[in-house]
C-alpha cells in the first residue's frame, strides 16, 4: 500500500487533501465521500483552505458513514463537514447527499456514481475499523452498497460497504497519532488479521504523521 509519512497531523491532512483534489480535477462528474472523527475534521479544514484549487460547485459530496443522529447534532459527520467545509465553500444543497436513509443513499449513488465514487476519504480506528465497518460487523461482507451498523458502544450507524467503496477511483486513508501506530503496523505486517480496513486499505493511499507511522 503506498503511503506518505508527514511530520504532523496537519501536514498529513494537507497531503491527503491535495491528493483528493488531484483525483477530482478534470472529472466530468466529480464525487467525493468524506469521513468524520478527528481525521475528518483535519481533512475538512485542509480542503476548505484550498478553495481556489478546484471548482467545488461541480462536486457532489457523500459520506463514508454517519451516526443515526440529527444532521445538526454535534456527533453528525455531515454536520462536521457542513460547518468546516460545505458552508465555507458555499456548496449548493443539491450537491450535499447526507447519509440518512439506506434506500435513498443507494438511489443517490446509483444515479450519480453507479461505477464508484471519484474519491473517498477514510479514517482508521484503533481496532482496525474504517467508516462504520467494525470488526465482526455484517456490514463488512454485505453485498449492499449501504448498510446498517452498530459501534462497539452500541451507537447505531449507517455506512458505505466494501462492496461499494472498492469501486472508488481513489481512496485516501488518513491516520494520525501514536494511538494508531499499533494498528497501522498490524495492517502493514499481518494480512491474516482480517481487520475491516484490510478489505479496502491495500488499494488505498495512506497518509500518516510520524506518530502513527510504524517502524
C-alpha atoms as a PDB file:
ATOM      1  CA  UNK A   1       0.000   0.000   0.000  1.00  0.00           C
ATOM      2  CA  UNK A   2       1.529   3.364  -0.983  1.00  0.00           C
ATOM      3  CA  UNK A   3       1.974   5.650   1.967  1.00  0.00           C
ATOM      4  CA  UNK A   4       3.332   9.062   2.840  1.00  0.00           C
ATOM      5  CA  UNK A   5       4.638   9.984   6.257  1.00  0.00           C
ATOM      6  CA  UNK A   6       4.495  13.653   7.261  1.00  0.00           C
ATOM      7  CA  UNK A   7       5.760  15.337  10.402  1.00  0.00           C
ATOM      8  CA  UNK A   8       2.441  16.459  11.883  1.00  0.00           C
ATOM      9  CA  UNK A   9      -1.261  15.533  11.697  1.00  0.00           C
ATOM     10  CA  UNK A  10      -1.964  18.816   9.908  1.00  0.00           C
ATOM     11  CA  UNK A  11       0.675  18.109   7.278  1.00  0.00           C
ATOM     12  CA  UNK A  12      -0.673  14.594   6.750  1.00  0.00           C
ATOM     13  CA  UNK A  13      -4.183  16.009   6.296  1.00  0.00           C
ATOM     14  CA  UNK A  14      -2.873  18.625   3.860  1.00  0.00           C
ATOM     15  CA  UNK A  15      -1.179  15.937   1.773  1.00  0.00           C
ATOM     16  CA  UNK A  16      -4.361  13.872   1.756  1.00  0.00           C
ATOM     17  CA  UNK A  17      -6.386  16.929   0.723  1.00  0.00           C
ATOM     18  CA  UNK A  18      -4.003  17.639  -2.157  1.00  0.00           C
ATOM     19  CA  UNK A  19      -4.289  14.031  -3.340  1.00  0.00           C
ATOM     20  CA  UNK A  20      -8.086  14.091  -3.166  1.00  0.00           C
ATOM     21  CA  UNK A  21      -8.209  17.320  -5.146  1.00  0.00           C
ATOM     22  CA  UNK A  22      -5.851  15.894  -7.774  1.00  0.00           C
ATOM     23  CA  UNK A  23      -8.177  12.890  -8.125  1.00  0.00           C
ATOM     24  CA  UNK A  24     -11.216  15.156  -8.582  1.00  0.00           C
ATOM     25  CA  UNK A  25      -9.663  17.540 -11.103  1.00  0.00           C
ATOM     26  CA  UNK A  26     -10.716  17.166 -14.692  1.00  0.00           C
ATOM     27  CA  UNK A  27     -13.515  14.710 -13.980  1.00  0.00           C
ATOM     28  CA  UNK A  28     -16.812  15.346 -15.726  1.00  0.00           C
ATOM     29  CA  UNK A  29     -18.894  14.388 -12.681  1.00  0.00           C
ATOM     30  CA  UNK A  30     -16.608  14.511  -9.618  1.00  0.00           C
ATOM     31  CA  UNK A  31     -17.868  12.830  -6.464  1.00  0.00           C
ATOM     32  CA  UNK A  32     -16.235  12.839  -3.035  1.00  0.00           C
ATOM     33  CA  UNK A  33     -17.073  10.885   0.121  1.00  0.00           C
ATOM     34  CA  UNK A  34     -15.966  12.350   3.443  1.00  0.00           C
ATOM     35  CA  UNK A  35     -15.474  10.823   6.880  1.00  0.00           C
ATOM     36  CA  UNK A  36     -15.901  12.094  10.420  1.00  0.00           C
ATOM     37  CA  UNK A  37     -13.767  11.914  13.504  1.00  0.00           C
ATOM     38  CA  UNK A  38     -10.542  13.776  14.176  1.00  0.00           C
ATOM     39  CA  UNK A  39      -9.140  12.869  10.764  1.00  0.00           C
ATOM     40  CA  UNK A  40     -12.287  14.070   9.050  1.00  0.00           C
ATOM     41  CA  UNK A  41     -12.024  17.357  10.914  1.00  0.00           C
ATOM     42  CA  UNK A  42      -8.393  17.840   9.893  1.00  0.00           C
ATOM     43  CA  UNK A  43      -9.147  16.968   6.273  1.00  0.00           C
ATOM     44  CA  UNK A  44     -12.201  19.236   6.095  1.00  0.00           C
ATOM     45  CA  UNK A  45     -10.110  22.165   7.291  1.00  0.00           C
ATOM     46  CA  UNK A  46      -7.363  21.338   4.781  1.00  0.00           C
ATOM     47  CA  UNK A  47      -9.840  21.085   1.899  1.00  0.00           C
ATOM     48  CA  UNK A  48     -11.540  24.356   2.886  1.00  0.00           C
ATOM     49  CA  UNK A  49      -8.151  26.064   2.854  1.00  0.00           C
ATOM     50  CA  UNK A  50      -7.866  25.049  -0.812  1.00  0.00           C
ATOM     51  CA  UNK A  51     -10.969  26.880  -2.005  1.00  0.00           C
ATOM     52  CA  UNK A  52      -9.226  28.049  -5.179  1.00  0.00           C
ATOM     53  CA  UNK A  53      -7.745  24.660  -6.083  1.00  0.00           C
ATOM     54  CA  UNK A  54     -10.926  23.297  -7.667  1.00  0.00           C
ATOM     55  CA  UNK A  55     -14.334  24.312  -8.967  1.00  0.00           C
ATOM     56  CA  UNK A  56     -16.062  22.976  -5.881  1.00  0.00           C
ATOM     57  CA  UNK A  57     -19.506  23.867  -7.219  1.00  0.00           C
ATOM     58  CA  UNK A  58     -19.264  20.833  -9.553  1.00  0.00           C
ATOM     59  CA  UNK A  59     -18.501  18.289  -6.820  1.00  0.00           C
ATOM     60  CA  UNK A  60     -21.191  16.050  -5.352  1.00  0.00           C
ATOM     61  CA  UNK A  61     -20.477  15.256  -1.684  1.00  0.00           C
ATOM     62  CA  UNK A  62     -21.250  11.963   0.027  1.00  0.00           C
ATOM     63  CA  UNK A  63     -20.295  10.417   3.369  1.00  0.00           C
ATOM     64  CA  UNK A  64     -18.500   7.154   4.070  1.00  0.00           C
ATOM     65  CA  UNK A  65     -20.595   6.712   7.198  1.00  0.00           C
ATOM     66  CA  UNK A  66     -22.920   8.533   9.538  1.00  0.00           C
ATOM     67  CA  UNK A  67     -24.246   8.273  13.062  1.00  0.00           C
ATOM     68  CA  UNK A  68     -28.010   7.912  13.360  1.00  0.00           C
ATOM     69  CA  UNK A  69     -28.426  11.365  14.864  1.00  0.00           C
ATOM     70  CA  UNK A  70     -29.988  14.588  13.528  1.00  0.00           C
ATOM     71  CA  UNK A  71     -27.769  16.344  10.990  1.00  0.00           C
ATOM     72  CA  UNK A  72     -27.333  19.303  13.319  1.00  0.00           C
ATOM     73  CA  UNK A  73     -26.219  17.057  16.192  1.00  0.00           C
ATOM     74  CA  UNK A  74     -22.636  17.603  17.432  1.00  0.00           C
ATOM     75  CA  UNK A  75     -21.780  13.967  16.540  1.00  0.00           C
ATOM     76  CA  UNK A  76     -23.067  14.141  12.968  1.00  0.00           C
ATOM     77  CA  UNK A  77     -20.382  13.632  10.334  1.00  0.00           C
ATOM     78  CA  UNK A  78     -22.491  15.691   7.942  1.00  0.00           C
ATOM     79  CA  UNK A  79     -22.726  18.474  10.490  1.00  0.00           C
ATOM     80  CA  UNK A  80     -18.949  18.490  10.925  1.00  0.00           C
ATOM     81  CA  UNK A  81     -18.414  18.819   7.189  1.00  0.00           C
ATOM     82  CA  UNK A  82     -21.131  21.424   6.855  1.00  0.00           C
ATOM     83  CA  UNK A  83     -19.535  23.697   9.440  1.00  0.00           C
ATOM     84  CA  UNK A  84     -15.925  23.321   8.313  1.00  0.00           C
ATOM     85  CA  UNK A  85     -16.190  22.737   4.558  1.00  0.00           C
ATOM     86  CA  UNK A  86     -19.548  22.860   2.830  1.00  0.00           C
ATOM     87  CA  UNK A  87     -20.796  26.186   4.158  1.00  0.00           C
ATOM     88  CA  UNK A  88     -17.408  27.954   3.785  1.00  0.00           C
ATOM     89  CA  UNK A  89     -17.224  26.736   0.163  1.00  0.00           C
ATOM     90  CA  UNK A  90     -20.901  27.644  -0.411  1.00  0.00           C
ATOM     91  CA  UNK A  91     -21.748  24.196  -1.724  1.00  0.00           C
ATOM     92  CA  UNK A  92     -25.298  24.005  -3.076  1.00  0.00           C
ATOM     93  CA  UNK A  93     -27.756  21.942  -1.060  1.00  0.00           C
ATOM     94  CA  UNK A  94     -28.410  19.801  -4.135  1.00  0.00           C
ATOM     95  CA  UNK A  95     -24.758  18.686  -4.068  1.00  0.00           C
ATOM     96  CA  UNK A  96     -24.917  17.537  -0.427  1.00  0.00           C
ATOM     97  CA  UNK A  97     -26.038  13.924  -0.185  1.00  0.00           C
ATOM     98  CA  UNK A  98     -26.279  13.268   3.534  1.00  0.00           C
ATOM     99  CA  UNK A  99     -26.320   9.636   4.576  1.00  0.00           C
ATOM    100  CA  UNK A 100     -29.696   9.382   6.308  1.00  0.00           C
ATOM    101  CA  UNK A 101     -31.676   6.539   4.774  1.00  0.00           C
ATOM    102  CA  UNK A 102     -30.100   3.407   3.199  1.00  0.00           C
ATOM    103  CA  UNK A 103     -32.562   3.215   0.305  1.00  0.00           C
ATOM    104  CA  UNK A 104     -32.226   6.928  -0.524  1.00  0.00           C
ATOM    105  CA  UNK A 105     -28.437   6.732  -0.249  1.00  0.00           C
ATOM    106  CA  UNK A 106     -28.236   3.782  -2.635  1.00  0.00           C
ATOM    107  CA  UNK A 107     -30.543   5.597  -5.055  1.00  0.00           C
ATOM    108  CA  UNK A 108     -28.294   8.682  -4.993  1.00  0.00           C
ATOM    109  CA  UNK A 109     -25.181   6.559  -5.563  1.00  0.00           C
ATOM    110  CA  UNK A 110     -26.841   4.648  -8.389  1.00  0.00           C
ATOM    111  CA  UNK A 111     -27.861   7.897 -10.044  1.00  0.00           C
ATOM    112  CA  UNK A 112     -24.699   9.935  -9.546  1.00  0.00           C
ATOM    113  CA  UNK A 113     -21.873   7.412  -9.142  1.00  0.00           C
ATOM    114  CA  UNK A 114     -23.002   3.993 -10.390  1.00  0.00           C
ATOM    115  CA  UNK A 115     -19.459   2.947 -11.271  1.00  0.00           C
ATOM    116  CA  UNK A 116     -17.981   4.164  -7.995  1.00  0.00           C
ATOM    117  CA  UNK A 117     -17.017   7.430  -6.367  1.00  0.00           C
ATOM    118  CA  UNK A 118     -14.232   9.558  -7.768  1.00  0.00           C
ATOM    119  CA  UNK A 119     -12.501   9.933  -4.405  1.00  0.00           C
ATOM    120  CA  UNK A 120     -13.025   8.749  -0.829  1.00  0.00           C
ATOM    121  CA  UNK A 121     -11.514   9.898   2.444  1.00  0.00           C
ATOM    122  CA  UNK A 122     -11.349   7.238   5.147  1.00  0.00           C
ATOM    123  CA  UNK A 123     -10.070   7.213   8.696  1.00  0.00           C
ATOM    124  CA  UNK A 124      -8.771   4.382  10.848  1.00  0.00           C
ATOM    125  CA  UNK A 125      -9.831   3.239  14.305  1.00  0.00           C
ATOM    126  CA  UNK A 126      -7.578   1.623  16.876  1.00  0.00           C
ATOM    127  CA  UNK A 127      -9.496  -1.638  16.380  1.00  0.00           C
ATOM    128  CA  UNK A 128      -8.939  -1.564  12.615  1.00  0.00           C
ATOM    129  CA  UNK A 129     -12.355  -0.228  11.699  1.00  0.00           C
ATOM    130  CA  UNK A 130     -12.889   2.297   8.938  1.00  0.00           C
ATOM    131  CA  UNK A 131     -16.080   4.202   8.114  1.00  0.00           C
ATOM    132  CA  UNK A 132     -18.524   2.318  10.387  1.00  0.00           C
ATOM    133  CA  UNK A 133     -17.176  -1.075   9.383  1.00  0.00           C
ATOM    134  CA  UNK A 134     -16.321  -2.621  12.746  1.00  0.00           C
ATOM    135  CA  UNK A 135     -14.669  -5.999  13.359  1.00  0.00           C
ATOM    136  CA  UNK A 136     -17.288  -8.707  13.127  1.00  0.00           C
ATOM    137  CA  UNK A 137     -19.962  -6.435  11.650  1.00  0.00           C
ATOM    138  CA  UNK A 138     -22.146  -7.975   8.912  1.00  0.00           C
ATOM    139  CA  UNK A 139     -21.709  -4.679   7.032  1.00  0.00           C
ATOM    140  CA  UNK A 140     -18.126  -5.693   6.178  1.00  0.00           C
ATOM    141  CA  UNK A 141     -19.323  -8.556   3.981  1.00  0.00           C
ATOM    142  CA  UNK A 142     -22.657  -7.075   2.876  1.00  0.00           C
ATOM    143  CA  UNK A 143     -23.361  -7.047  -0.853  1.00  0.00           C
ATOM    144  CA  UNK A 144     -25.433  -3.879  -0.453  1.00  0.00           C
ATOM    145  CA  UNK A 145     -23.803  -0.526  -1.105  1.00  0.00           C
ATOM    146  CA  UNK A 146     -25.118   0.951   2.145  1.00  0.00           C
ATOM    147  CA  UNK A 147     -25.647  -0.997   5.351  1.00  0.00           C
ATOM    148  CA  UNK A 148     -26.794  -0.565   8.921  1.00  0.00           C
ATOM    149  CA  UNK A 149     -24.051  -0.896  11.521  1.00  0.00           C
ATOM    150  CA  UNK A 150     -23.540  -0.532  15.260  1.00  0.00           C
ATOM    151  CA  UNK A 151     -20.469   0.760  17.048  1.00  0.00           C
ATOM    152  CA  UNK A 152     -18.946  -1.285  19.917  1.00  0.00           C
ATOM    153  CA  UNK A 153     -20.554   1.242  22.274  1.00  0.00           C
ATOM    154  CA  UNK A 154     -23.979   0.425  20.827  1.00  0.00           C
ATOM    155  CA  UNK A 155     -24.436   3.554  18.710  1.00  0.00           C
ATOM    156  CA  UNK A 156     -26.433   2.887  15.504  1.00  0.00           C
ATOM    157  CA  UNK A 157     -24.702   3.899  12.297  1.00  0.00           C
ATOM    158  CA  UNK A 158     -25.030   3.829   8.521  1.00  0.00           C
ATOM    159  CA  UNK A 159     -22.023   3.023   6.387  1.00  0.00           C
ATOM    160  CA  UNK A 160     -20.905   2.521   2.832  1.00  0.00           C
ATOM    161  CA  UNK A 161     -19.695  -1.046   2.435  1.00  0.00           C
ATOM    162  CA  UNK A 162     -16.540  -2.504   0.882  1.00  0.00           C
ATOM    163  CA  UNK A 163     -18.757  -3.791  -1.941  1.00  0.00           C
ATOM    164  CA  UNK A 164     -19.195  -0.162  -2.995  1.00  0.00           C
ATOM    165  CA  UNK A 165     -16.130   1.586  -1.566  1.00  0.00           C
ATOM    166  CA  UNK A 166     -13.777  -0.636  -3.561  1.00  0.00           C
ATOM    167  CA  UNK A 167     -15.240   0.776  -6.771  1.00  0.00           C
ATOM    168  CA  UNK A 168     -13.760   4.209  -5.997  1.00  0.00           C
ATOM    169  CA  UNK A 169     -11.067   5.508  -8.338  1.00  0.00           C
ATOM    170  CA  UNK A 170      -9.037   6.919  -5.443  1.00  0.00           C
ATOM    171  CA  UNK A 171      -9.110   6.221  -1.710  1.00  0.00           C
ATOM    172  CA  UNK A 172      -7.112   8.147   0.882  1.00  0.00           C
ATOM    173  CA  UNK A 173      -6.687   6.745   4.394  1.00  0.00           C
ATOM    174  CA  UNK A 174      -5.687   9.384   6.941  1.00  0.00           C
ATOM    175  CA  UNK A 175      -4.299   8.094  10.255  1.00  0.00           C
ATOM    176  CA  UNK A 176      -2.555  10.255  12.829  1.00  0.00           C
ATOM    177  CA  UNK A 177      -1.440   9.964  16.431  1.00  0.00           C
ATOM    178  CA  UNK A 178       0.602   7.475  18.441  1.00  0.00           C
ATOM    179  CA  UNK A 179      -2.556   5.534  19.350  1.00  0.00           C
ATOM    180  CA  UNK A 180      -2.824   4.487  15.679  1.00  0.00           C
ATOM    181  CA  UNK A 181       0.724   3.132  15.454  1.00  0.00           C
ATOM    182  CA  UNK A 182      -0.099  -0.452  16.600  1.00  0.00           C
ATOM    183  CA  UNK A 183      -2.958  -0.899  14.139  1.00  0.00           C
ATOM    184  CA  UNK A 184      -1.003   0.702  11.285  1.00  0.00           C
ATOM    185  CA  UNK A 185       1.797  -1.777  11.936  1.00  0.00           C
ATOM    186  CA  UNK A 186      -0.654  -4.669  12.093  1.00  0.00           C
ATOM    187  CA  UNK A 187      -2.263  -3.680   8.808  1.00  0.00           C
ATOM    188  CA  UNK A 188       1.181  -3.459   7.218  1.00  0.00           C
ATOM    189  CA  UNK A 189       2.601  -6.726   8.517  1.00  0.00           C
ATOM    190  CA  UNK A 190      -0.272  -9.141   9.172  1.00  0.00           C
ATOM    191  CA  UNK A 191      -2.531  -9.745   6.168  1.00  0.00           C
ATOM    192  CA  UNK A 192      -4.291 -12.511   8.101  1.00  0.00           C
ATOM    193  CA  UNK A 193      -5.558 -10.117  10.782  1.00  0.00           C
ATOM    194  CA  UNK A 194      -8.875  -9.708   8.928  1.00  0.00           C
ATOM    195  CA  UNK A 195      -9.344  -6.111  10.032  1.00  0.00           C
ATOM    196  CA  UNK A 196     -12.123  -4.188   8.259  1.00  0.00           C
ATOM    197  CA  UNK A 197      -9.615  -1.653   6.893  1.00  0.00           C
ATOM    198  CA  UNK A 198      -7.808  -4.510   5.154  1.00  0.00           C
ATOM    199  CA  UNK A 199     -10.804  -5.095   2.900  1.00  0.00           C
ATOM    200  CA  UNK A 200     -10.110  -1.673   1.394  1.00  0.00           C
ATOM    201  CA  UNK A 201      -6.771  -0.378   2.662  1.00  0.00           C
ATOM    202  CA  UNK A 202      -4.491  -2.386   0.424  1.00  0.00           C
ATOM    203  CA  UNK A 203      -5.787  -0.469  -2.593  1.00  0.00           C
ATOM    204  CA  UNK A 204      -5.685   2.904  -0.824  1.00  0.00           C
ATOM    205  CA  UNK A 205      -3.065   5.613  -0.487  1.00  0.00           C
ATOM    206  CA  UNK A 206      -2.131   6.146   3.158  1.00  0.00           C
ATOM    207  CA  UNK A 207      -1.287   9.464   4.769  1.00  0.00           C
ATOM    208  CA  UNK A 208       0.325   9.233   8.212  1.00  0.00           C
ATOM    209  CA  UNK A 209       2.061  11.500  10.647  1.00  0.00           C
ATOM    210  CA  UNK A 210       5.298  10.450  12.321  1.00  0.00           C
ATOM    211  CA  UNK A 211       3.478   9.356  15.454  1.00  0.00           C
ATOM    212  CA  UNK A 212       1.266   6.884  13.583  1.00  0.00           C
ATOM    213  CA  UNK A 213       3.878   5.523  11.205  1.00  0.00           C
ATOM    214  CA  UNK A 214       5.071   2.082  12.203  1.00  0.00           C
ATOM    215  CA  UNK A 215       8.696   1.084  12.310  1.00  0.00           C
END
